[in-house]
Amino acid sequence: MLEQLKKAAVHINEMESTRAGSAKKAREEARIPEDSLEPEYTCQLRKPKIEGRVSAVDGGILAYEMHGADLLIAKAVSSTFDYQENKIISNSYFPRAFPEPEYAVETGLDEREMNWHKSLFRLKLETENALETAKSKNPGLLLLDGSLCPLMSDRPAEESKLFPDYMALLNKYKELYSFCSENNVLLAGIIKDCRSRRFLEMFPETGERGSDSVFLNHLLKEGERTFSFRYSSSPQKHHVLRELGAWGEKLCATYLKPVQGDRPLRVEFLKNQGKARELAEMVFSLSSINRSYAYPAVLIDADLRAMMDPNELERAKKSLSLFTGPSLLDLRRNSRPFR
């Protein structure tokens, strides 16, 4: 086993060395692709003082598969910080600091549909919370934990019974985009662990096979970001963006590196909501709070409050079984008598 791990370590180090060389070359050439929305290859970030209200939304979910039924338990919460000269002077939450979870039981789902159901239920709660937070808190900046739209992997097959739920979710996203645009609420999605290859797709000559953030960790220096670019080079060929209508054309992204000791963040935003520089610099300032962990404090707080306790799932399972009686069975793999 140790020999295999040593070989893997050597391979990883070789890949990182090659990647660093490719990133250095790309930085020196500084070629601006057609999909760039700005003339600079990398942009130096200022660190403005944070003033006013910033809100962030996150959600948590637990799932339990049973014989013929699936149980979901989830919640979404927003944290709101009021800043004055970079200092938090007050905080509040929606619907409350530690909200009660919501439940969903679905029957007749296959394995793929179960994964779609989990994503759609969590995104529904988060998007509804984001819209209500925007309306009730009126923040200057509203951050979502994760992408600013559903991922392709969240989209059910059109013949699935979950497809209407997906279309309803898209309408909720459109409502969120519209409200924020019309009421001067700057909206952004912050992806902490991004596996996207969108940036690298614009530079096929690098031959890089990893993700954007792995490559850009070598390319970007502390306090820098990439040029902003469209979410997709072909929004009309991207199912989710096409179904978002005109909003799908306005989704954009950039990567920034707030601190030297952590990886770049992907920041997604709406093109019609002002300059990428202003948004990126606000996220930069909010995220530069720890030398080895770059993430906005308000999102960290929302994440902690949205975290699900496994005991809540156990309580839900017991309560459900009281009502269903012996008709509710565990999966065979969860009820082995010999282990």
C-alpha atoms as a PDB file:
ATOM      1  CA  MET A   1       0.000   0.000   0.000  1.00  0.00           C
ATOM      2  CA  LEU A   2       2.776   2.452   0.911  1.00  0.00           C
ATOM      3  CA  GLU A   3       4.466   1.927  -2.445  1.00  0.00           C
ATOM      4  CA  GLN A   4       1.246   2.729  -4.261  1.00  0.00           C
ATOM      5  CA  LEU A   5       0.775   5.874  -2.190  1.00  0.00           C
ATOM      6  CA  LYS A   6       4.387   6.936  -2.875  1.00  0.00           C
ATOM      7  CA  LYS A   7       3.808   6.551  -6.617  1.00  0.00           C
ATOM      8  CA  ALA A   8       0.615   8.586  -6.348  1.00  0.00           C
ATOM      9  CA  ALA A   9       2.459  11.317  -4.433  1.00  0.00           C
ATOM     10  CA  VAL A  10       5.205  11.471  -7.076  1.00  0.00           C
ATOM     11  CA  HIS A  11       2.568  11.748  -9.817  1.00  0.00           C
ATOM     12  CA  ILE A  12       0.739  14.538  -7.967  1.00  0.00           C
ATOM     13  CA  ASN A  13       3.975  16.493  -7.475  1.00  0.00           C
ATOM     14  CA  GLU A  14       4.885  16.110 -11.145  1.00  0.00           C
ATOM     15  CA  MET A  15       1.442  17.325 -12.192  1.00  0.00           C
ATOM     16  CA  GLU A  16       1.673  20.333  -9.881  1.00  0.00           C
ATOM     17  CA  SER A  17       5.094  21.245 -11.248  1.00  0.00           C
ATOM     18  CA  THR A  18       3.829  21.023 -14.840  1.00  0.00           C
ATOM     19  CA  ARG A  19       0.746  23.023 -13.906  1.00  0.00           C
ATOM     20  CA  ALA A  20       2.864  25.757 -12.314  1.00  0.00           C
ATOM     21  CA  GLY A  21       4.919  26.020 -15.496  1.00  0.00           C
ATOM     22  CA  SER A  22       1.781  26.249 -17.653  1.00  0.00           C
ATOM     23  CA  ALA A  23       0.327  28.928 -15.391  1.00  0.00           C
ATOM     24  CA  LYS A  24       3.539  30.966 -15.549  1.00  0.00           C
ATOM     25  CA  LYS A  25       3.559  30.799 -19.343  1.00  0.00           C
ATOM     26  CA  ALA A  26      -0.118  31.753 -19.569  1.00  0.00           C
ATOM     27  CA  ARG A  27       0.471  34.722 -17.278  1.00  0.00           C
ATOM     28  CA  GLU A  28       3.410  35.941 -19.361  1.00  0.00           C
ATOM     29  CA  GLU A  29       1.467  35.657 -22.623  1.00  0.00           C
ATOM     30  CA  ALA A  30      -1.659  37.230 -21.061  1.00  0.00           C
ATOM     31  CA  ARG A  31      -3.828  36.375 -24.046  1.00  0.00           C
ATOM     32  CA  ILE A  32      -7.338  37.813 -23.802  1.00  0.00           C
ATOM     33  CA  PRO A  33      -9.960  35.380 -25.187  1.00  0.00           C
ATOM     34  CA  GLU A  34     -13.101  36.425 -27.027  1.00  0.00           C
ATOM     35  CA  ASP A  35     -15.314  35.523 -24.058  1.00  0.00           C
ATOM     36  CA  SER A  36     -13.538  38.019 -21.802  1.00  0.00           C
ATOM     37  CA  LEU A  37     -15.688  40.929 -20.652  1.00  0.00           C
ATOM     38  CA  GLU A  38     -12.661  43.043 -19.670  1.00  0.00           C
ATOM     39  CA  PRO A  39      -9.415  44.080 -21.377  1.00  0.00           C
ATOM     40  CA  GLU A  40      -7.084  42.952 -18.545  1.00  0.00           C
ATOM     41  CA  TYR A  41      -5.898  39.361 -18.095  1.00  0.00           C
ATOM     42  CA  THR A  42      -5.456  39.750 -14.326  1.00  0.00           C
ATOM     43  CA  CYS A  43      -6.710  42.631 -12.215  1.00  0.00           C
ATOM     44  CA  GLN A  44      -5.237  43.964  -8.972  1.00  0.00           C
ATOM     45  CA  LEU A  45      -7.847  44.242  -6.245  1.00  0.00           C
ATOM     46  CA  ARG A  46      -8.238  47.118  -3.830  1.00  0.00           C
ATOM     47  CA  LYS A  47      -9.606  46.443  -0.366  1.00  0.00           C
ATOM     48  CA  PRO A  48     -12.451  48.921   0.179  1.00  0.00           C
ATOM     49  CA  LYS A  49     -13.994  49.613   3.552  1.00  0.00           C
ATOM     50  CA  ILE A  50     -17.197  47.647   4.023  1.00  0.00           C
ATOM     51  CA  GLU A  51     -20.125  49.876   4.883  1.00  0.00           C
ATOM     52  CA  GLY A  52     -23.790  48.983   5.147  1.00  0.00           C
ATOM     53  CA  ARG A  53     -25.675  45.715   5.148  1.00  0.00           C
ATOM     54  CA  VAL A  54     -24.470  42.357   3.816  1.00  0.00           C
ATOM     55  CA  SER A  55     -26.605  39.205   3.843  1.00  0.00           C
ATOM     56  CA  ALA A  56     -25.693  35.598   3.052  1.00  0.00           C
ATOM     57  CA  VAL A  57     -27.821  32.479   2.530  1.00  0.00           C
ATOM     58  CA  ASP A  58     -26.908  28.841   3.007  1.00  0.00           C
ATOM     59  CA  GLY A  59     -28.777  25.585   3.458  1.00  0.00           C
ATOM     60  CA  GLY A  60     -28.241  22.129   4.873  1.00  0.00           C
ATOM     61  CA  ILE A  61     -29.873  18.809   4.040  1.00  0.00           C
ATOM     62  CA  LEU A  62     -29.982  15.215   5.270  1.00  0.00           C
ATOM     63  CA  ALA A  63     -31.507  12.298   3.395  1.00  0.00           C
ATOM     64  CA  TYR A  64     -32.573   8.778   4.256  1.00  0.00           C
ATOM     65  CA  GLU A  65     -33.534   6.183   1.674  1.00  0.00           C
ATOM     66  CA  MET A  66     -36.136   3.584   2.617  1.00  0.00           C
ATOM     67  CA  HIS A  67     -37.841   0.725   0.834  1.00  0.00           C
ATOM     68  CA  GLY A  68     -40.265   2.546  -1.464  1.00  0.00           C
ATOM     69  CA  ALA A  69     -39.884   6.012   0.064  1.00  0.00           C
ATOM     70  CA  ASP A  70     -37.243   8.685   0.624  1.00  0.00           C
ATOM     71  CA  LEU A  71     -37.087  11.144   3.505  1.00  0.00           C
ATOM     72  CA  LEU A  72     -35.461  14.573   3.245  1.00  0.00           C
ATOM     73  CA  ILE A  73     -34.950  17.028   6.080  1.00  0.00           C
ATOM     74  CA  ALA A  74     -33.482  20.442   5.283  1.00  0.00           C
ATOM     75  CA  LYS A  75     -33.355  24.077   6.263  1.00  0.00           C
ATOM     76  CA  ALA A  76     -32.102  27.386   4.890  1.00  0.00           C
ATOM     77  CA  VAL A  77     -31.039  30.428   6.877  1.00  0.00           C
ATOM     78  CA  SER A  78     -29.693  33.880   6.111  1.00  0.00           C
ATOM     79  CA  SER A  79     -27.235  35.826   8.227  1.00  0.00           C
ATOM     80  CA  THR A  80     -27.183  39.608   7.962  1.00  0.00           C
ATOM     81  CA  PHE A  81     -24.287  41.746   9.188  1.00  0.00           C
ATOM     82  CA  ASP A  82     -24.373  45.531   9.410  1.00  0.00           C
ATOM     83  CA  TYR A  83     -20.916  47.007   8.825  1.00  0.00           C
ATOM     84  CA  GLN A  84     -19.427  50.340   9.743  1.00  0.00           C
ATOM     85  CA  GLU A  85     -15.816  50.939   8.642  1.00  0.00           C
ATOM     86  CA  ASN A  86     -15.225  47.187   8.277  1.00  0.00           C
ATOM     87  CA  LYS A  87     -16.603  46.422  11.742  1.00  0.00           C
ATOM     88  CA  ILE A  88     -19.790  44.467  12.426  1.00  0.00           C
ATOM     89  CA  ILE A  89     -22.069  46.661  14.514  1.00  0.00           C
ATOM     90  CA  SER A  90     -25.193  44.439  14.479  1.00  0.00           C
ATOM     91  CA  ASN A  91     -26.465  41.141  13.121  1.00  0.00           C
ATOM     92  CA  SER A  92     -29.799  39.472  12.446  1.00  0.00           C
ATOM     93  CA  TYR A  93     -31.188  36.292  10.863  1.00  0.00           C
ATOM     94  CA  PHE A  94     -34.030  35.031   8.704  1.00  0.00           C
ATOM     95  CA  PRO A  95     -36.261  33.277   9.542  1.00  0.00           C
ATOM     96  CA  ARG A  96     -34.360  33.028  12.846  1.00  0.00           C
ATOM     97  CA  ALA A  97     -30.882  32.178  14.109  1.00  0.00           C
ATOM     98  CA  PHE A  98     -31.567  28.424  14.244  1.00  0.00           C
ATOM     99  CA  PRO A  99     -34.705  27.630  12.226  1.00  0.00           C
ATOM    100  CA  GLU A 100     -36.693  24.430  12.419  1.00  0.00           C
ATOM    101  CA  PRO A 101     -36.041  22.043   9.510  1.00  0.00           C
ATOM    102  CA  GLU A 102     -38.586  21.257   6.811  1.00  0.00           C
ATOM    103  CA  TYR A 103     -39.448  17.728   5.691  1.00  0.00           C
ATOM    104  CA  ALA A 104     -40.202  16.064   2.381  1.00  0.00           C
ATOM    105  CA  VAL A 105     -41.173  12.445   1.736  1.00  0.00           C
ATOM    106  CA  GLU A 106     -41.288  11.208  -1.848  1.00  0.00           C
ATOM    107  CA  THR A 107     -42.161   7.774  -3.204  1.00  0.00           C
ATOM    108  CA  GLY A 108     -41.404   5.991  -6.439  1.00  0.00           C
ATOM    109  CA  LEU A 109     -38.082   7.691  -7.211  1.00  0.00           C
ATOM    110  CA  ASP A 110     -35.231   5.882  -8.895  1.00  0.00           C
ATOM    111  CA  GLU A 111     -31.588   6.504  -7.937  1.00  0.00           C
ATOM    112  CA  ARG A 112     -31.115   9.447 -10.312  1.00  0.00           C
ATOM    113  CA  GLU A 113     -34.384  11.057  -9.274  1.00  0.00           C
ATOM    114  CA  MET A 114     -33.462  10.796  -5.608  1.00  0.00           C
ATOM    115  CA  ASN A 115     -30.328  12.882  -6.258  1.00  0.00           C
ATOM    116  CA  TRP A 116     -32.354  15.425  -8.233  1.00  0.00           C
ATOM    117  CA  HIS A 117     -34.952  15.556  -5.460  1.00  0.00           C
ATOM    118  CA  LYS A 118     -32.282  16.329  -2.859  1.00  0.00           C
ATOM    119  CA  SER A 119     -30.823  19.163  -4.928  1.00  0.00           C
ATOM    120  CA  LEU A 120     -34.181  20.671  -5.878  1.00  0.00           C
ATOM    121  CA  PHE A 121     -35.516  20.609  -2.303  1.00  0.00           C
ATOM    122  CA  ARG A 122     -32.402  22.308  -0.905  1.00  0.00           C
ATOM    123  CA  LEU A 123     -32.241  24.899  -3.711  1.00  0.00           C
ATOM    124  CA  LYS A 124     -35.933  25.681  -3.318  1.00  0.00           C
ATOM    125  CA  LEU A 125     -35.496  26.477   0.377  1.00  0.00           C
ATOM    126  CA  GLU A 126     -32.340  28.523  -0.253  1.00  0.00           C
ATOM    127  CA  THR A 127     -33.818  30.534  -3.127  1.00  0.00           C
ATOM    128  CA  GLU A 128     -37.038  31.267  -1.239  1.00  0.00           C
ATOM    129  CA  ASN A 129     -34.983  32.364   1.756  1.00  0.00           C
ATOM    130  CA  ALA A 130     -32.779  34.573  -0.441  1.00  0.00           C
ATOM    131  CA  LEU A 131     -35.807  36.305  -1.948  1.00  0.00           C
ATOM    132  CA  GLU A 132     -37.434  36.908   1.433  1.00  0.00           C
ATOM    133  CA  THR A 133     -34.126  38.132   2.851  1.00  0.00           C
ATOM    134  CA  ALA A 134     -33.726  40.576  -0.036  1.00  0.00           C
ATOM    135  CA  LYS A 135     -37.258  41.886   0.588  1.00  0.00           C
ATOM    136  CA  SER A 136     -37.170  42.064   4.381  1.00  0.00           C
ATOM    137  CA  LYS A 137     -33.535  42.995   5.058  1.00  0.00           C
ATOM    138  CA  ASN A 138     -32.823  45.143   1.978  1.00  0.00           C
ATOM    139  CA  PRO A 139     -29.063  44.443   1.977  1.00  0.00           C
ATOM    140  CA  GLY A 140     -26.650  46.212  -0.322  1.00  0.00           C
ATOM    141  CA  LEU A 141     -25.007  42.848  -1.049  1.00  0.00           C
ATOM    142  CA  LEU A 142     -26.643  39.408  -0.975  1.00  0.00           C
ATOM    143  CA  LEU A 143     -24.378  36.347  -1.176  1.00  0.00           C
ATOM    144  CA  LEU A 144     -25.457  32.804  -1.989  1.00  0.00           C
ATOM    145  CA  ASP A 145     -23.369  29.835  -0.940  1.00  0.00           C
ATOM    146  CA  GLY A 146     -22.813  28.151  -4.285  1.00  0.00           C
ATOM    147  CA  SER A 147     -23.740  28.908  -7.849  1.00  0.00           C
ATOM    148  CA  LEU A 148     -26.111  31.658  -8.903  1.00  0.00           C
ATOM    149  CA  CYS A 149     -28.199  29.156 -10.870  1.00  0.00           C
ATOM    150  CA  PRO A 150     -28.921  25.418 -10.774  1.00  0.00           C
ATOM    151  CA  LEU A 151     -26.200  23.168 -12.161  1.00  0.00           C
ATOM    152  CA  MET A 152     -26.746  20.857 -15.103  1.00  0.00           C
ATOM    153  CA  SER A 153     -26.588  17.932 -12.661  1.00  0.00           C
ATOM    154  CA  ASP A 154     -29.583  19.437 -10.795  1.00  0.00           C
ATOM    155  CA  ARG A 155     -31.805  19.337 -13.887  1.00  0.00           C
ATOM    156  CA  PRO A 156     -34.137  16.306 -13.990  1.00  0.00           C
ATOM    157  CA  ALA A 157     -34.955  14.502 -17.202  1.00  0.00           C
ATOM    158  CA  GLU A 158     -37.969  16.084 -18.874  1.00  0.00           C
ATOM    159  CA  GLU A 159     -39.975  12.872 -18.495  1.00  0.00           C
ATOM    160  CA  SER A 160     -39.331  12.782 -14.725  1.00  0.00           C
ATOM    161  CA  LYS A 161     -42.166  13.692 -12.377  1.00  0.00           C
ATOM    162  CA  LEU A 162     -39.698  16.121 -10.748  1.00  0.00           C
ATOM    163  CA  PHE A 163     -39.369  18.263 -13.870  1.00  0.00           C
ATOM    164  CA  PRO A 164     -42.283  20.586 -12.899  1.00  0.00           C
ATOM    165  CA  ASP A 165     -40.510  21.186  -9.549  1.00  0.00           C
ATOM    166  CA  TYR A 166     -37.391  22.152 -11.466  1.00  0.00           C
ATOM    167  CA  MET A 167     -39.297  24.601 -13.679  1.00  0.00           C
ATOM    168  CA  ALA A 168     -40.917  26.128 -10.584  1.00  0.00           C
ATOM    169  CA  LEU A 169     -37.430  26.537  -9.103  1.00  0.00           C
ATOM    170  CA  LEU A 170     -36.247  28.383 -12.220  1.00  0.00           C
ATOM    171  CA  ASN A 171     -39.169  30.787 -11.858  1.00  0.00           C
ATOM    172  CA  LYS A 172     -38.092  31.452  -8.272  1.00  0.00           C
ATOM    173  CA  TYR A 173     -34.549  32.230  -9.470  1.00  0.00           C
ATOM    174  CA  LYS A 174     -35.938  34.632 -12.073  1.00  0.00           C
ATOM    175  CA  GLU A 175     -37.994  36.331  -9.369  1.00  0.00           C
ATOM    176  CA  LEU A 176     -34.870  36.678  -7.227  1.00  0.00           C
ATOM    177  CA  TYR A 177     -32.847  38.131 -10.126  1.00  0.00           C
ATOM    178  CA  SER A 178     -35.615  40.606 -10.970  1.00  0.00           C
ATOM    179  CA  PHE A 179     -36.149  41.811  -7.420  1.00  0.00           C
ATOM    180  CA  CYS A 180     -32.438  42.305  -6.752  1.00  0.00           C
ATOM    181  CA  SER A 181     -31.900  44.119 -10.062  1.00  0.00           C
ATOM    182  CA  GLU A 182     -34.873  46.411  -9.542  1.00  0.00           C
ATOM    183  CA  ASN A 183     -34.059  47.208  -5.893  1.00  0.00           C
ATOM    184  CA  ASN A 184     -30.271  47.723  -6.072  1.00  0.00           C
ATOM    185  CA  VAL A 185     -29.403  44.554  -4.183  1.00  0.00           C
ATOM    186  CA  LEU A 186     -26.087  43.317  -5.529  1.00  0.00           C
ATOM    187  CA  LEU A 187     -26.435  39.539  -5.910  1.00  0.00           C
ATOM    188  CA  ALA A 188     -23.532  37.083  -6.076  1.00  0.00           C
ATOM    189  CA  GLY A 189     -22.900  33.361  -5.818  1.00  0.00           C
ATOM    190  CA  ILE A 190     -19.687  32.328  -4.022  1.00  0.00           C
ATOM    191  CA  ILE A 191     -18.300  28.861  -4.801  1.00  0.00           C
ATOM    192  CA  LYS A 192     -15.711  27.707  -2.294  1.00  0.00           C
ATOM    193  CA  ASP A 193     -14.741  24.378  -3.899  1.00  0.00           C
ATOM    194  CA  CYS A 194     -15.295  24.813  -7.607  1.00  0.00           C
ATOM    195  CA  ARG A 195     -14.755  22.029 -10.150  1.00  0.00           C
ATOM    196  CA  SER A 196     -15.667  24.136 -13.168  1.00  0.00           C
ATOM    197  CA  ARG A 197     -13.382  24.152 -16.218  1.00  0.00           C
ATOM    198  CA  ARG A 198     -14.949  27.189 -17.869  1.00  0.00           C
ATOM    199  CA  PHE A 199     -11.825  29.359 -17.578  1.00  0.00           C
ATOM    200  CA  LEU A 200      -9.566  26.621 -18.937  1.00  0.00           C
ATOM    201  CA  GLU A 201     -11.919  26.005 -21.860  1.00  0.00           C
ATOM    202  CA  MET A 202     -10.910  29.449 -23.109  1.00  0.00           C
ATOM    203  CA  PHE A 203      -7.236  28.347 -23.118  1.00  0.00           C
ATOM    204  CA  PRO A 204      -7.143  24.843 -24.640  1.00  0.00           C
ATOM    205  CA  GLU A 205      -3.457  25.302 -25.503  1.00  0.00           C
ATOM    206  CA  THR A 206      -2.523  24.815 -21.827  1.00  0.00           C
ATOM    207  CA  GLY A 207      -3.480  21.134 -22.065  1.00  0.00           C
ATOM    208  CA  GLU A 208      -4.594  21.403 -18.439  1.00  0.00           C
ATOM    209  CA  ARG A 209      -6.910  18.618 -17.265  1.00  0.00           C
ATOM    210  CA  GLY A 210      -7.664  19.861 -13.772  1.00  0.00           C
ATOM    211  CA  SER A 211     -10.227  22.418 -12.645  1.00  0.00           C
ATOM    212  CA  ASP A 212     -10.059  26.191 -12.967  1.00  0.00           C
ATOM    213  CA  SER A 213      -9.312  26.754  -9.289  1.00  0.00           C
ATOM    214  CA  VAL A 214      -6.424  24.238  -9.278  1.00  0.00           C
ATOM    215  CA  PHE A 215      -4.787  25.961 -12.254  1.00  0.00           C
ATOM    216  CA  LEU A 216      -5.531  29.497 -11.052  1.00  0.00           C
ATOM    217  CA  ASN A 217      -4.063  28.750  -7.647  1.00  0.00           C
ATOM    218  CA  HIS A 218      -0.708  28.832  -9.468  1.00  0.00           C
ATOM    219  CA  LEU A 219      -1.549  31.716 -11.775  1.00  0.00           C
ATOM    220  CA  LEU A 220      -3.103  34.262  -9.433  1.00  0.00           C
ATOM    221  CA  LYS A 221      -1.229  36.142  -6.752  1.00  0.00           C
ATOM    222  CA  GLU A 222      -2.764  37.317  -3.490  1.00  0.00           C
ATOM    223  CA  GLY A 223      -5.125  40.213  -4.107  1.00  0.00           C
ATOM    224  CA  GLU A 224      -5.649  39.464  -7.797  1.00  0.00           C
ATOM    225  CA  ARG A 225      -8.574  38.266  -9.902  1.00  0.00           C
ATOM    226  CA  THR A 226      -9.090  37.091 -13.453  1.00  0.00           C
ATOM    227  CA  PHE A 227     -11.000  39.020 -16.087  1.00  0.00           C
ATOM    228  CA  SER A 228     -14.741  38.417 -15.870  1.00  0.00           C
ATOM    229  CA  PHE A 229     -16.342  36.137 -18.431  1.00  0.00           C
ATOM    230  CA  ARG A 230     -19.711  34.731 -19.435  1.00  0.00           C
ATOM    231  CA  TYR A 231     -21.011  31.696 -17.516  1.00  0.00           C
ATOM    232  CA  SER A 232     -21.180  29.771 -20.783  1.00  0.00           C
ATOM    233  CA  SER A 233     -19.800  30.398 -24.261  1.00  0.00           C
ATOM    234  CA  SER A 234     -23.117  29.193 -25.717  1.00  0.00           C
ATOM    235  CA  PRO A 235     -26.011  30.008 -23.329  1.00  0.00           C
ATOM    236  CA  GLN A 236     -28.581  28.807 -25.869  1.00  0.00           C
ATOM    237  CA  LYS A 237     -26.955  25.360 -25.937  1.00  0.00           C
ATOM    238  CA  HIS A 238     -26.822  25.159 -22.139  1.00  0.00           C
ATOM    239  CA  HIS A 239     -30.155  23.675 -20.981  1.00  0.00           C
ATOM    240  CA  VAL A 240     -30.375  25.550 -17.660  1.00  0.00           C
ATOM    241  CA  LEU A 241     -29.329  28.931 -19.077  1.00  0.00           C
ATOM    242  CA  ARG A 242     -31.683  28.573 -22.027  1.00  0.00           C
ATOM    243  CA  GLU A 243     -34.569  27.813 -19.670  1.00  0.00           C
ATOM    244  CA  LEU A 244     -33.704  30.895 -17.611  1.00  0.00           C
ATOM    245  CA  GLY A 245     -34.478  32.974 -20.698  1.00  0.00           C
ATOM    246  CA  ALA A 246     -32.864  36.412 -20.937  1.00  0.00           C
ATOM    247  CA  TRP A 247     -31.315  35.977 -17.484  1.00  0.00           C
ATOM    248  CA  GLY A 248     -29.202  33.087 -18.745  1.00  0.00           C
ATOM    249  CA  GLU A 249     -27.382  35.512 -21.052  1.00  0.00           C
ATOM    250  CA  LYS A 250     -26.506  37.782 -18.110  1.00  0.00           C
ATOM    251  CA  LEU A 251     -24.789  35.265 -15.820  1.00  0.00           C
ATOM    252  CA  CYS A 252     -21.052  35.945 -15.532  1.00  0.00           C
ATOM    253  CA  ALA A 253     -18.143  34.896 -13.335  1.00  0.00           C
ATOM    254  CA  THR A 254     -14.640  35.786 -12.195  1.00  0.00           C
ATOM    255  CA  TYR A 255     -12.042  34.132  -9.954  1.00  0.00           C
ATOM    256  CA  LEU A 256     -10.201  35.931  -7.180  1.00  0.00           C
ATOM    257  CA  LYS A 257      -7.517  34.993  -4.688  1.00  0.00           C
ATOM    258  CA  PRO A 258      -8.065  36.820  -1.376  1.00  0.00           C
ATOM    259  CA  VAL A 259      -5.106  35.325   0.560  1.00  0.00           C
ATOM    260  CA  GLN A 260      -1.879  33.575  -0.361  1.00  0.00           C
ATOM    261  CA  GLY A 261      -2.542  30.540   1.835  1.00  0.00           C
ATOM    262  CA  ASP A 262      -5.866  29.533   0.276  1.00  0.00           C
ATOM    263  CA  ARG A 263      -7.286  28.710  -3.138  1.00  0.00           C
ATOM    264  CA  PRO A 264      -9.163  31.074  -5.454  1.00  0.00           C
ATOM    265  CA  LEU A 265     -12.880  31.692  -5.079  1.00  0.00           C
ATOM    266  CA  ARG A 266     -15.285  31.649  -7.997  1.00  0.00           C
ATOM    267  CA  VAL A 267     -17.701  34.593  -7.888  1.00  0.00           C
ATOM    268  CA  GLU A 268     -20.805  34.580 -10.087  1.00  0.00           C
ATOM    269  CA  PHE A 269     -22.901  37.671 -10.745  1.00  0.00           C
ATOM    270  CA  LEU A 270     -25.425  39.296 -13.089  1.00  0.00           C
ATOM    271  CA  LYS A 271     -23.929  41.396 -15.859  1.00  0.00           C
ATOM    272  CA  ASN A 272     -26.550  44.121 -15.549  1.00  0.00           C
ATOM    273  CA  GLN A 273     -25.751  44.813 -11.875  1.00  0.00           C
ATOM    274  CA  GLY A 274     -22.720  47.058 -12.285  1.00  0.00           C
ATOM    275  CA  LYS A 275     -19.016  46.456 -12.640  1.00  0.00           C
ATOM    276  CA  ALA A 276     -17.323  43.178 -11.793  1.00  0.00           C
ATOM    277  CA  ARG A 277     -14.526  45.149 -10.130  1.00  0.00           C
ATOM    278  CA  GLU A 278     -16.801  46.643  -7.474  1.00  0.00           C
ATOM    279  CA  LEU A 279     -18.298  43.269  -6.568  1.00  0.00           C
ATOM    280  CA  ALA A 280     -14.969  41.438  -6.603  1.00  0.00           C
ATOM    281  CA  GLU A 281     -13.369  44.023  -4.338  1.00  0.00           C
ATOM    282  CA  MET A 282     -16.214  43.780  -1.829  1.00  0.00           C
ATOM    283  CA  VAL A 283     -15.891  39.969  -1.762  1.00  0.00           C
ATOM    284  CA  PHE A 284     -12.110  40.352  -1.494  1.00  0.00           C
ATOM    285  CA  SER A 285     -12.419  42.637   1.516  1.00  0.00           C
ATOM    286  CA  LEU A 286     -15.015  40.397   3.189  1.00  0.00           C
ATOM    287  CA  SER A 287     -12.922  37.258   2.590  1.00  0.00           C
ATOM    288  CA  SER A 288      -9.490  38.472   3.698  1.00  0.00           C
ATOM    289  CA  ILE A 289     -10.012  37.628   7.350  1.00  0.00           C
ATOM    290  CA  ASN A 290      -7.751  34.607   7.746  1.00  0.00           C
ATOM    291  CA  ARG A 291      -4.368  33.835   6.165  1.00  0.00           C
ATOM    292  CA  SER A 292      -5.320  30.251   5.333  1.00  0.00           C
ATOM    293  CA  TYR A 293      -9.113  30.362   4.848  1.00  0.00           C
ATOM    294  CA  ALA A 294     -10.633  32.837   2.406  1.00  0.00           C
ATOM    295  CA  TYR A 295     -14.409  33.099   2.711  1.00  0.00           C
ATOM    296  CA  PRO A 296     -16.803  35.909   3.732  1.00  0.00           C
ATOM    297  CA  ALA A 297     -17.500  35.865   7.464  1.00  0.00           C
ATOM    298  CA  VAL A 298     -21.227  36.336   6.891  1.00  0.00           C
ATOM    299  CA  LEU A 299     -21.304  33.170   4.740  1.00  0.00           C
ATOM    300  CA  ILE A 300     -19.334  31.241   7.356  1.00  0.00           C
ATOM    301  CA  ASP A 301     -21.941  32.268   9.912  1.00  0.00           C
ATOM    302  CA  ALA A 302     -24.830  31.221   7.652  1.00  0.00           C
ATOM    303  CA  ASP A 303     -23.116  27.878   6.991  1.00  0.00           C
ATOM    304  CA  LEU A 304     -22.772  27.132  10.711  1.00  0.00           C
ATOM    305  CA  ARG A 305     -26.432  27.951  11.342  1.00  0.00           C
ATOM    306  CA  ALA A 306     -27.638  25.873   8.401  1.00  0.00           C
ATOM    307  CA  MET A 307     -25.642  22.822   9.470  1.00  0.00           C
ATOM    308  CA  MET A 308     -27.868  19.808  10.047  1.00  0.00           C
ATOM    309  CA  ASP A 309     -27.682  17.658  13.164  1.00  0.00           C
ATOM    310  CA  PRO A 310     -27.899  13.918  12.288  1.00  0.00           C
ATOM    311  CA  ASN A 311     -30.031  13.480  15.398  1.00  0.00           C
ATOM    312  CA  GLU A 312     -32.761  15.507  13.689  1.00  0.00           C
ATOM    313  CA  LEU A 313     -32.945  12.870  10.962  1.00  0.00           C
ATOM    314  CA  GLU A 314     -33.161  10.074  13.533  1.00  0.00           C
ATOM    315  CA  ARG A 315     -36.030  11.828  15.282  1.00  0.00           C
ATOM    316  CA  ALA A 316     -37.830  12.333  11.952  1.00  0.00           C
ATOM    317  CA  LYS A 317     -37.395   8.646  11.042  1.00  0.00           C
ATOM    318  CA  LYS A 318     -38.813   7.514  14.387  1.00  0.00           C
ATOM    319  CA  SER A 319     -41.790   9.876  14.134  1.00  0.00           C
ATOM    320  CA  LEU A 320     -42.519   8.738  10.569  1.00  0.00           C
ATOM    321  CA  SER A 321     -42.389   5.062  11.555  1.00  0.00           C
ATOM    322  CA  LEU A 322     -44.908   5.705  14.359  1.00  0.00           C
ATOM    323  CA  PHE A 323     -47.458   6.838  11.767  1.00  0.00           C
ATOM    324  CA  THR A 324     -46.680   4.280   9.071  1.00  0.00           C
ATOM    325  CA  GLY A 325     -46.203   1.241  11.302  1.00  0.00           C
ATOM    326  CA  PRO A 326     -44.605  -1.896   9.825  1.00  0.00           C
ATOM    327  CA  SER A 327     -45.285  -0.830   6.216  1.00  0.00           C
ATOM    328  CA  LEU A 328     -42.173   1.379   6.272  1.00  0.00           C
ATOM    329  CA  LEU A 329     -39.058  -0.756   5.762  1.00  0.00           C
ATOM    330  CA  ASP A 330     -35.384   0.096   5.725  1.00  0.00           C
ATOM    331  CA  LEU A 331     -33.261  -0.746   2.725  1.00  0.00           C
ATOM    332  CA  ARG A 332     -31.732  -4.199   3.045  1.00  0.00           C
ATOM    333  CA  ARG A 333     -28.205  -2.734   3.200  1.00  0.00           C
ATOM    334  CA  ASN A 334     -29.209  -0.720   6.284  1.00  0.00           C
ATOM    335  CA  SER A 335     -30.694  -3.690   8.149  1.00  0.00           C
ATOM    336  CA  ARG A 336     -28.057  -6.400   7.942  1.00  0.00           C
ATOM    337  CA  PRO A 337     -28.304  -8.651  11.016  1.00  0.00           C
ATOM    338  CA  PHE A 338     -24.750  -9.981  10.754  1.00  0.00           C
ATOM    339  CA  ARG A 339     -22.477  -6.978  11.113  1.00  0.00           C
END
